[in-house]
N, C-alpha and C. Protein backbone atom coordinates (compact mmCIF):
# COMPACT_ATOMS: atom_id res chain seq x y z
N MET A 1 0.84 -1.18 0.00
CA MET A 1 0.00 0.00 0.00
C MET A 1 0.89 1.24 0.00
N ASN A 2 0.39 2.32 -0.55
CA ASN A 2 1.16 3.56 -0.62
C ASN A 2 1.09 4.33 0.69
N ASP A 3 2.08 5.18 0.90
CA ASP A 3 1.96 6.12 1.99
C ASP A 3 1.10 7.27 1.52
N ILE A 4 0.82 8.24 2.37
CA ILE A 4 -0.09 9.33 2.05
C ILE A 4 0.42 10.18 0.89
N LEU A 5 1.69 10.16 0.60
CA LEU A 5 2.24 10.95 -0.50
C LEU A 5 2.14 10.22 -1.82
N GLY A 6 1.71 8.99 -1.79
CA GLY A 6 1.50 8.25 -3.03
C GLY A 6 2.72 7.50 -3.53
N GLN A 7 3.72 7.33 -2.71
CA GLN A 7 4.89 6.57 -3.12
C GLN A 7 4.57 5.09 -2.98
N GLN A 8 4.73 4.36 -4.04
CA GLN A 8 4.35 2.96 -4.04
C GLN A 8 5.29 2.13 -3.18
N ASN A 9 4.71 1.24 -2.42
CA ASN A 9 5.46 0.32 -1.60
C ASN A 9 5.91 -0.83 -2.49
N ALA A 10 7.19 -1.01 -2.64
CA ALA A 10 7.74 -2.01 -3.55
C ALA A 10 7.35 -3.43 -3.15
N SER A 11 7.07 -3.67 -1.89
CA SER A 11 6.80 -5.03 -1.46
C SER A 11 5.41 -5.53 -1.86
N CYS A 12 4.45 -4.64 -2.11
CA CYS A 12 3.11 -5.13 -2.43
C CYS A 12 2.61 -4.69 -3.81
N GLY A 13 3.19 -3.67 -4.42
CA GLY A 13 2.81 -3.27 -5.76
C GLY A 13 1.45 -2.65 -5.90
N VAL A 14 0.87 -2.13 -4.81
CA VAL A 14 -0.45 -1.52 -4.85
C VAL A 14 -0.30 -0.01 -4.67
N GLY A 15 -0.97 0.75 -5.55
CA GLY A 15 -0.93 2.21 -5.47
C GLY A 15 -2.17 2.74 -4.79
N VAL A 16 -2.22 4.07 -4.63
CA VAL A 16 -3.38 4.73 -4.05
C VAL A 16 -3.94 5.71 -5.07
N ALA A 17 -5.22 5.58 -5.40
CA ALA A 17 -5.87 6.46 -6.37
C ALA A 17 -5.90 7.89 -5.84
N ASP A 18 -5.79 8.87 -6.73
CA ASP A 18 -5.85 10.28 -6.33
C ASP A 18 -7.15 10.58 -5.59
N GLU A 19 -8.26 10.00 -6.03
CA GLU A 19 -9.55 10.21 -5.36
C GLU A 19 -9.47 9.78 -3.90
N SER A 20 -8.77 8.70 -3.62
CA SER A 20 -8.63 8.22 -2.24
C SER A 20 -7.88 9.23 -1.39
N LYS A 21 -6.78 9.75 -1.93
CA LYS A 21 -6.00 10.75 -1.19
C LYS A 21 -6.81 12.01 -0.96
N ASN A 22 -7.52 12.48 -1.99
CA ASN A 22 -8.31 13.70 -1.88
C ASN A 22 -9.46 13.54 -0.89
N THR A 23 -10.11 12.38 -0.90
CA THR A 23 -11.21 12.13 0.02
C THR A 23 -10.72 12.09 1.45
N PHE A 24 -9.58 11.46 1.69
CA PHE A 24 -9.00 11.44 3.03
C PHE A 24 -8.68 12.86 3.51
N MET A 25 -8.09 13.67 2.63
CA MET A 25 -7.74 15.04 3.02
C MET A 25 -8.99 15.88 3.30
N GLU A 26 -10.08 15.61 2.60
CA GLU A 26 -11.33 16.31 2.87
C GLU A 26 -11.88 15.92 4.24
N LEU A 27 -11.75 14.66 4.62
CA LEU A 27 -12.15 14.24 5.97
C LEU A 27 -11.26 14.91 7.01
N LYS A 28 -9.98 14.92 6.76
CA LYS A 28 -9.01 15.44 7.73
C LYS A 28 -9.08 16.95 7.90
N ARG A 29 -9.11 17.68 6.82
CA ARG A 29 -9.03 19.14 6.89
C ARG A 29 -10.38 19.84 6.98
N LYS A 30 -11.35 19.35 6.22
CA LYS A 30 -12.62 20.06 6.12
C LYS A 30 -13.75 19.42 6.91
N LYS A 31 -13.48 18.26 7.50
CA LYS A 31 -14.51 17.52 8.23
C LYS A 31 -15.70 17.23 7.32
N GLY A 32 -15.42 16.97 6.04
CA GLY A 32 -16.46 16.71 5.06
C GLY A 32 -17.11 15.35 5.19
N TYR A 33 -16.45 14.44 5.89
CA TYR A 33 -16.96 13.08 6.07
C TYR A 33 -16.74 12.64 7.51
N ARG A 34 -17.59 11.75 7.99
CA ARG A 34 -17.36 11.11 9.29
C ARG A 34 -16.42 9.93 9.10
N TYR A 35 -16.59 9.23 7.97
CA TYR A 35 -15.72 8.09 7.70
C TYR A 35 -15.55 7.90 6.19
N VAL A 36 -14.45 7.22 5.84
CA VAL A 36 -14.20 6.82 4.46
C VAL A 36 -13.75 5.36 4.51
N ILE A 37 -14.38 4.53 3.69
CA ILE A 37 -14.03 3.12 3.60
C ILE A 37 -13.35 2.91 2.25
N PHE A 38 -12.20 2.26 2.29
CA PHE A 38 -11.41 2.00 1.09
C PHE A 38 -11.37 0.51 0.79
N LYS A 39 -11.16 0.18 -0.48
CA LYS A 39 -10.95 -1.21 -0.87
C LYS A 39 -9.83 -1.25 -1.90
N ILE A 40 -9.25 -2.42 -2.09
CA ILE A 40 -8.23 -2.59 -3.11
C ILE A 40 -8.91 -3.05 -4.40
N GLU A 41 -8.76 -2.26 -5.43
CA GLU A 41 -9.27 -2.61 -6.75
C GLU A 41 -8.24 -3.52 -7.40
N GLU A 42 -8.57 -4.79 -7.49
CA GLU A 42 -7.61 -5.81 -7.95
C GLU A 42 -7.12 -5.54 -9.37
N LYS A 43 -8.02 -5.17 -10.27
CA LYS A 43 -7.62 -4.98 -11.67
C LYS A 43 -6.65 -3.81 -11.85
N LYS A 44 -6.89 -2.74 -11.11
CA LYS A 44 -6.04 -1.55 -11.23
C LYS A 44 -4.86 -1.59 -10.28
N LYS A 45 -4.90 -2.51 -9.33
CA LYS A 45 -3.86 -2.62 -8.30
C LYS A 45 -3.69 -1.30 -7.54
N GLU A 46 -4.87 -0.74 -7.08
CA GLU A 46 -4.80 0.48 -6.30
C GLU A 46 -5.93 0.54 -5.28
N VAL A 47 -5.70 1.36 -4.27
CA VAL A 47 -6.68 1.58 -3.22
C VAL A 47 -7.65 2.65 -3.70
N VAL A 48 -8.96 2.33 -3.67
CA VAL A 48 -9.99 3.25 -4.13
C VAL A 48 -11.03 3.44 -3.02
N VAL A 49 -11.80 4.54 -3.13
CA VAL A 49 -12.88 4.80 -2.17
C VAL A 49 -14.02 3.83 -2.44
N ASP A 50 -14.49 3.16 -1.41
CA ASP A 50 -15.63 2.25 -1.51
C ASP A 50 -16.90 2.97 -1.07
N LYS A 51 -16.86 3.60 0.11
CA LYS A 51 -18.03 4.30 0.66
C LYS A 51 -17.56 5.47 1.52
N THR A 52 -18.45 6.45 1.66
CA THR A 52 -18.19 7.56 2.57
C THR A 52 -19.42 7.77 3.44
N GLY A 53 -19.21 8.36 4.60
CA GLY A 53 -20.31 8.70 5.49
C GLY A 53 -20.25 10.17 5.82
N GLY A 54 -21.38 10.85 5.74
CA GLY A 54 -21.45 12.28 6.00
C GLY A 54 -21.15 12.63 7.45
N PRO A 55 -20.91 13.92 7.72
CA PRO A 55 -20.55 14.36 9.07
C PRO A 55 -21.58 14.02 10.15
N ALA A 56 -22.84 13.89 9.78
CA ALA A 56 -23.88 13.61 10.77
C ALA A 56 -23.97 12.13 11.12
N GLN A 57 -23.30 11.27 10.38
CA GLN A 57 -23.38 9.84 10.66
C GLN A 57 -22.53 9.48 11.86
N ASP A 58 -22.83 8.34 12.47
CA ASP A 58 -22.12 7.93 13.68
C ASP A 58 -21.42 6.58 13.48
N TYR A 59 -20.86 6.07 14.56
CA TYR A 59 -20.11 4.82 14.47
C TYR A 59 -21.00 3.65 14.05
N GLN A 60 -22.24 3.64 14.50
CA GLN A 60 -23.16 2.57 14.12
C GLN A 60 -23.37 2.56 12.60
N ASP A 61 -23.53 3.74 12.00
CA ASP A 61 -23.66 3.84 10.54
C ASP A 61 -22.41 3.29 9.87
N PHE A 62 -21.26 3.66 10.41
CA PHE A 62 -19.98 3.18 9.87
C PHE A 62 -19.90 1.66 9.93
N ALA A 63 -20.19 1.09 11.09
CA ALA A 63 -20.09 -0.36 11.27
C ALA A 63 -21.03 -1.10 10.33
N GLU A 64 -22.21 -0.56 10.11
CA GLU A 64 -23.18 -1.19 9.20
C GLU A 64 -22.76 -1.06 7.74
N SER A 65 -21.87 -0.13 7.42
CA SER A 65 -21.41 0.07 6.05
C SER A 65 -20.30 -0.90 5.65
N LEU A 66 -19.69 -1.56 6.63
CA LEU A 66 -18.63 -2.52 6.33
C LEU A 66 -19.22 -3.80 5.76
N PRO A 67 -18.61 -4.38 4.73
CA PRO A 67 -19.15 -5.61 4.15
C PRO A 67 -19.03 -6.78 5.13
N GLN A 68 -19.97 -7.70 5.02
CA GLN A 68 -20.00 -8.86 5.92
C GLN A 68 -18.90 -9.87 5.63
N LYS A 69 -18.55 -10.05 4.36
CA LYS A 69 -17.60 -11.10 4.01
C LYS A 69 -16.53 -10.59 3.06
N ASP A 70 -15.81 -9.57 3.49
CA ASP A 70 -14.73 -9.00 2.68
C ASP A 70 -13.84 -8.16 3.59
N CYS A 71 -12.75 -7.70 3.04
CA CYS A 71 -11.80 -6.89 3.80
C CYS A 71 -11.84 -5.44 3.31
N ARG A 72 -11.67 -4.50 4.23
CA ARG A 72 -11.65 -3.09 3.90
C ARG A 72 -10.69 -2.36 4.84
N TYR A 73 -10.22 -1.21 4.36
CA TYR A 73 -9.47 -0.25 5.18
C TYR A 73 -10.38 0.94 5.37
N ALA A 74 -10.28 1.59 6.51
CA ALA A 74 -11.16 2.74 6.74
C ALA A 74 -10.48 3.75 7.65
N VAL A 75 -10.96 4.99 7.54
CA VAL A 75 -10.60 6.03 8.51
C VAL A 75 -11.92 6.55 9.08
N TYR A 76 -11.91 6.79 10.39
CA TYR A 76 -13.11 7.26 11.10
C TYR A 76 -12.71 8.46 11.94
N ASP A 77 -13.45 9.56 11.79
CA ASP A 77 -13.19 10.77 12.55
C ASP A 77 -13.99 10.70 13.86
N PHE A 78 -13.29 10.37 14.94
CA PHE A 78 -13.91 10.12 16.23
C PHE A 78 -13.89 11.39 17.08
N ASP A 79 -15.08 11.91 17.41
CA ASP A 79 -15.21 13.08 18.29
C ASP A 79 -15.46 12.61 19.71
N PHE A 80 -14.85 13.30 20.67
CA PHE A 80 -15.05 12.95 22.07
C PHE A 80 -14.80 14.17 22.95
N VAL A 81 -15.19 14.06 24.22
CA VAL A 81 -14.99 15.12 25.20
C VAL A 81 -14.09 14.57 26.29
N THR A 82 -13.02 15.32 26.61
CA THR A 82 -12.08 14.88 27.63
C THR A 82 -12.67 15.09 29.03
N THR A 83 -11.98 14.59 30.03
CA THR A 83 -12.44 14.79 31.41
C THR A 83 -12.41 16.26 31.80
N ASP A 84 -11.62 17.06 31.07
CA ASP A 84 -11.55 18.50 31.31
C ASP A 84 -12.60 19.26 30.51
N LYS A 85 -13.54 18.54 29.89
CA LYS A 85 -14.63 19.11 29.09
C LYS A 85 -14.15 19.77 27.80
N CYS A 86 -13.02 19.32 27.27
CA CYS A 86 -12.53 19.82 25.98
C CYS A 86 -13.02 18.89 24.88
N ARG A 87 -13.54 19.49 23.81
CA ARG A 87 -13.97 18.71 22.65
C ARG A 87 -12.73 18.39 21.81
N LYS A 88 -12.58 17.12 21.49
CA LYS A 88 -11.43 16.66 20.71
C LYS A 88 -11.91 15.79 19.56
N SER A 89 -10.98 15.56 18.62
CA SER A 89 -11.27 14.70 17.48
C SER A 89 -9.99 13.95 17.14
N LYS A 90 -10.12 12.67 16.88
CA LYS A 90 -8.98 11.84 16.46
C LYS A 90 -9.41 11.02 15.25
N ILE A 91 -8.50 10.90 14.30
CA ILE A 91 -8.77 10.08 13.13
C ILE A 91 -8.22 8.69 13.40
N LEU A 92 -9.10 7.70 13.32
CA LEU A 92 -8.72 6.32 13.58
C LEU A 92 -8.55 5.59 12.25
N PHE A 93 -7.50 4.78 12.13
CA PHE A 93 -7.31 3.92 10.99
C PHE A 93 -7.77 2.53 11.38
N ILE A 94 -8.66 1.96 10.59
CA ILE A 94 -9.30 0.70 10.95
C ILE A 94 -9.13 -0.29 9.80
N VAL A 95 -8.77 -1.51 10.12
CA VAL A 95 -8.72 -2.60 9.15
C VAL A 95 -9.83 -3.57 9.53
N SER A 96 -10.70 -3.87 8.58
CA SER A 96 -11.79 -4.78 8.81
C SER A 96 -11.67 -5.96 7.87
N CYS A 97 -11.68 -7.16 8.42
CA CYS A 97 -11.58 -8.35 7.59
C CYS A 97 -12.45 -9.44 8.19
N SER A 98 -13.46 -9.84 7.42
CA SER A 98 -14.30 -10.95 7.87
C SER A 98 -14.56 -11.86 6.68
N VAL A 99 -14.49 -13.12 6.92
CA VAL A 99 -14.68 -14.11 5.86
C VAL A 99 -15.75 -15.10 6.21
């Protein structure tokens, strides 16, 4: 898999589509999505966007969007409140694989 800059990892030969990078950056910078689910497009040998969830969606929506019998990579923008009452957000990288 590629790093975020799009440099191909020689060990696996899979690239990352520009759309995937742009969608991730929109989640990260603009909070345009709650989550993005990616899959590997076998024919193109690249990571592509499979599904996105809008800012109003929650973790339950995300979990229901994952396929039952396949593997996916995802990022989820997790909002939370600290014990000091500060609102925070962390982007989680999630690998889902069920067969």
